[in-house]
Amino acid sequence: MRGRSGSSSTGEVGGREFVGADLAFVDGEAGTVGQVHWFTAQKSNDVLDVVQITGSYAGARKETDYGTIDGVVDSLRINP
């Protein structure tokens, strides 16, 4: 389900469709920082909320941390 740096994708988490974006940037002190963003919408009466999940990882730990982020995202459930 997960994309890689610079990519966007869609996937299902807990029966709900999410749109994802994966990006990386370089910080002068921290070095390369990657972020995984997942978005979905939740309608409640006449209000539409956007739910965003963001996980960050150090560039040097991408493969290890990405697996951890995937596990956390896969465990989430959003109640209607």
C-alpha atoms as a PDB file:
ATOM      1  CA  MET A   1       0.000   0.000   0.000  1.00  0.00           C
ATOM      2  CA  ARG A   2       2.805   2.454   0.743  1.00  0.00           C
ATOM      3  CA  GLY A   3       4.519   4.687  -1.786  1.00  0.00           C
ATOM      4  CA  ARG A   4       8.150   5.763  -1.741  1.00  0.00           C
ATOM      5  CA  SER A   5       9.880   9.144  -1.796  1.00  0.00           C
ATOM      6  CA  GLY A   6       8.365  11.633  -4.198  1.00  0.00           C
ATOM      7  CA  SER A   7       5.375   9.455  -4.928  1.00  0.00           C
ATOM      8  CA  SER A   8       1.672   9.592  -4.318  1.00  0.00           C
ATOM      9  CA  SER A   9      -0.651   6.647  -3.964  1.00  0.00           C
ATOM     10  CA  THR A  10      -3.992   5.454  -2.684  1.00  0.00           C
ATOM     11  CA  GLY A  11      -4.676   2.666  -0.277  1.00  0.00           C
ATOM     12  CA  GLU A  12      -7.135   1.259   2.178  1.00  0.00           C
ATOM     13  CA  VAL A  13      -6.705   1.414   5.938  1.00  0.00           C
ATOM     14  CA  GLY A  14      -9.400  -0.054   8.169  1.00  0.00           C
ATOM     15  CA  GLY A  15     -11.861  -0.210   5.272  1.00  0.00           C
ATOM     16  CA  ARG A  16     -11.394   3.480   4.429  1.00  0.00           C
ATOM     17  CA  GLU A  17      -9.668   4.828   1.308  1.00  0.00           C
ATOM     18  CA  PHE A  18      -6.700   7.138   1.874  1.00  0.00           C
ATOM     19  CA  VAL A  19      -4.601   9.239  -0.499  1.00  0.00           C
ATOM     20  CA  GLY A  20      -0.916   9.250   0.377  1.00  0.00           C
ATOM     21  CA  ALA A  21       2.135  11.347  -0.402  1.00  0.00           C
ATOM     22  CA  ASP A  22       5.730  10.559   0.482  1.00  0.00           C
ATOM     23  CA  LEU A  23       8.416  13.229   0.395  1.00  0.00           C
ATOM     24  CA  ALA A  24      11.842  14.057   1.766  1.00  0.00           C
ATOM     25  CA  PHE A  25      13.715  17.263   2.465  1.00  0.00           C
ATOM     26  CA  VAL A  26      17.134  18.193   3.806  1.00  0.00           C
ATOM     27  CA  ASP A  27      17.416  20.067   7.088  1.00  0.00           C
ATOM     28  CA  GLY A  28      20.714  21.853   7.797  1.00  0.00           C
ATOM     29  CA  GLU A  29      21.064  20.264  11.221  1.00  0.00           C
ATOM     30  CA  ALA A  30      19.125  17.005  11.010  1.00  0.00           C
ATOM     31  CA  GLY A  31      20.082  15.947   7.477  1.00  0.00           C
ATOM     32  CA  THR A  32      17.518  14.189   5.302  1.00  0.00           C
ATOM     33  CA  VAL A  33      14.054  13.941   6.827  1.00  0.00           C
ATOM     34  CA  GLY A  34      11.310  11.951   5.174  1.00  0.00           C
ATOM     35  CA  GLN A  35       7.605  12.262   5.754  1.00  0.00           C
ATOM     36  CA  VAL A  36       4.706  10.021   4.857  1.00  0.00           C
ATOM     37  CA  HIS A  37       1.308  11.773   4.690  1.00  0.00           C
ATOM     38  CA  TRP A  38      -2.047  10.005   4.436  1.00  0.00           C
ATOM     39  CA  PHE A  39      -5.366  11.843   3.962  1.00  0.00           C
ATOM     40  CA  THR A  40      -9.005  10.821   4.057  1.00  0.00           C
ATOM     41  CA  ALA A  41     -12.307  12.665   4.474  1.00  0.00           C
ATOM     42  CA  GLN A  42     -14.891  12.105   7.187  1.00  0.00           C
ATOM     43  CA  LYS A  43     -18.384  13.539   6.814  1.00  0.00           C
ATOM     44  CA  SER A  44     -20.345  14.333   9.943  1.00  0.00           C
ATOM     45  CA  ASN A  45     -23.773  15.842   9.218  1.00  0.00           C
ATOM     46  CA  ASP A  46     -23.046  18.943   7.099  1.00  0.00           C
ATOM     47  CA  VAL A  47     -19.333  19.131   7.966  1.00  0.00           C
ATOM     48  CA  LEU A  48     -16.563  17.454   5.986  1.00  0.00           C
ATOM     49  CA  ASP A  49     -13.407  16.907   8.019  1.00  0.00           C
ATOM     50  CA  VAL A  50     -10.056  16.044   6.497  1.00  0.00           C
ATOM     51  CA  VAL A  51      -8.080  13.530   8.530  1.00  0.00           C
ATOM     52  CA  GLN A  52      -4.301  13.636   8.074  1.00  0.00           C
ATOM     53  CA  ILE A  53      -1.803  11.105   9.367  1.00  0.00           C
ATOM     54  CA  THR A  54       1.889  12.042   9.171  1.00  0.00           C
ATOM     55  CA  GLY A  55       4.887   9.908  10.029  1.00  0.00           C
ATOM     56  CA  SER A  56       8.479  11.157   9.860  1.00  0.00           C
ATOM     57  CA  TYR A  57      11.756   9.278   9.541  1.00  0.00           C
ATOM     58  CA  ALA A  58      15.452  10.063   9.378  1.00  0.00           C
ATOM     59  CA  GLY A  59      16.821   9.508   5.886  1.00  0.00           C
ATOM     60  CA  ALA A  60      19.482   7.093   7.125  1.00  0.00           C
ATOM     61  CA  ARG A  61      16.780   4.990   8.850  1.00  0.00           C
ATOM     62  CA  LYS A  62      14.215   5.058   6.057  1.00  0.00           C
ATOM     63  CA  GLU A  63      13.779   1.318   5.572  1.00  0.00           C
ATOM     64  CA  THR A  64      13.583   0.546   9.301  1.00  0.00           C
ATOM     65  CA  ASP A  65      11.379   3.499  10.228  1.00  0.00           C
ATOM     66  CA  TYR A  66       9.116   3.114   7.196  1.00  0.00           C
ATOM     67  CA  GLY A  67       8.077  -0.319   8.441  1.00  0.00           C
ATOM     68  CA  THR A  68       7.247   1.123  11.853  1.00  0.00           C
ATOM     69  CA  ILE A  69       5.205   3.937  10.295  1.00  0.00           C
ATOM     70  CA  ASP A  70       3.335   1.401   8.124  1.00  0.00           C
ATOM     71  CA  GLY A  71       2.442  -0.600  11.234  1.00  0.00           C
ATOM     72  CA  VAL A  72       1.106   2.444  13.067  1.00  0.00           C
ATOM     73  CA  VAL A  73      -0.935   3.618  10.064  1.00  0.00           C
ATOM     74  CA  ASP A  74      -2.340   0.122   9.481  1.00  0.00           C
ATOM     75  CA  SER A  75      -3.516  -0.038  13.102  1.00  0.00           C
ATOM     76  CA  LEU A  76      -5.584   3.176  12.905  1.00  0.00           C
ATOM     77  CA  ARG A  77      -9.363   3.117  12.825  1.00  0.00           C
ATOM     78  CA  ILE A  78     -11.538   6.178  12.242  1.00  0.00           C
ATOM     79  CA  ASN A  79     -15.063   5.818  13.551  1.00  0.00           C
ATOM     80  CA  PRO A  80     -17.830   7.210  11.352  1.00  0.00           C
END
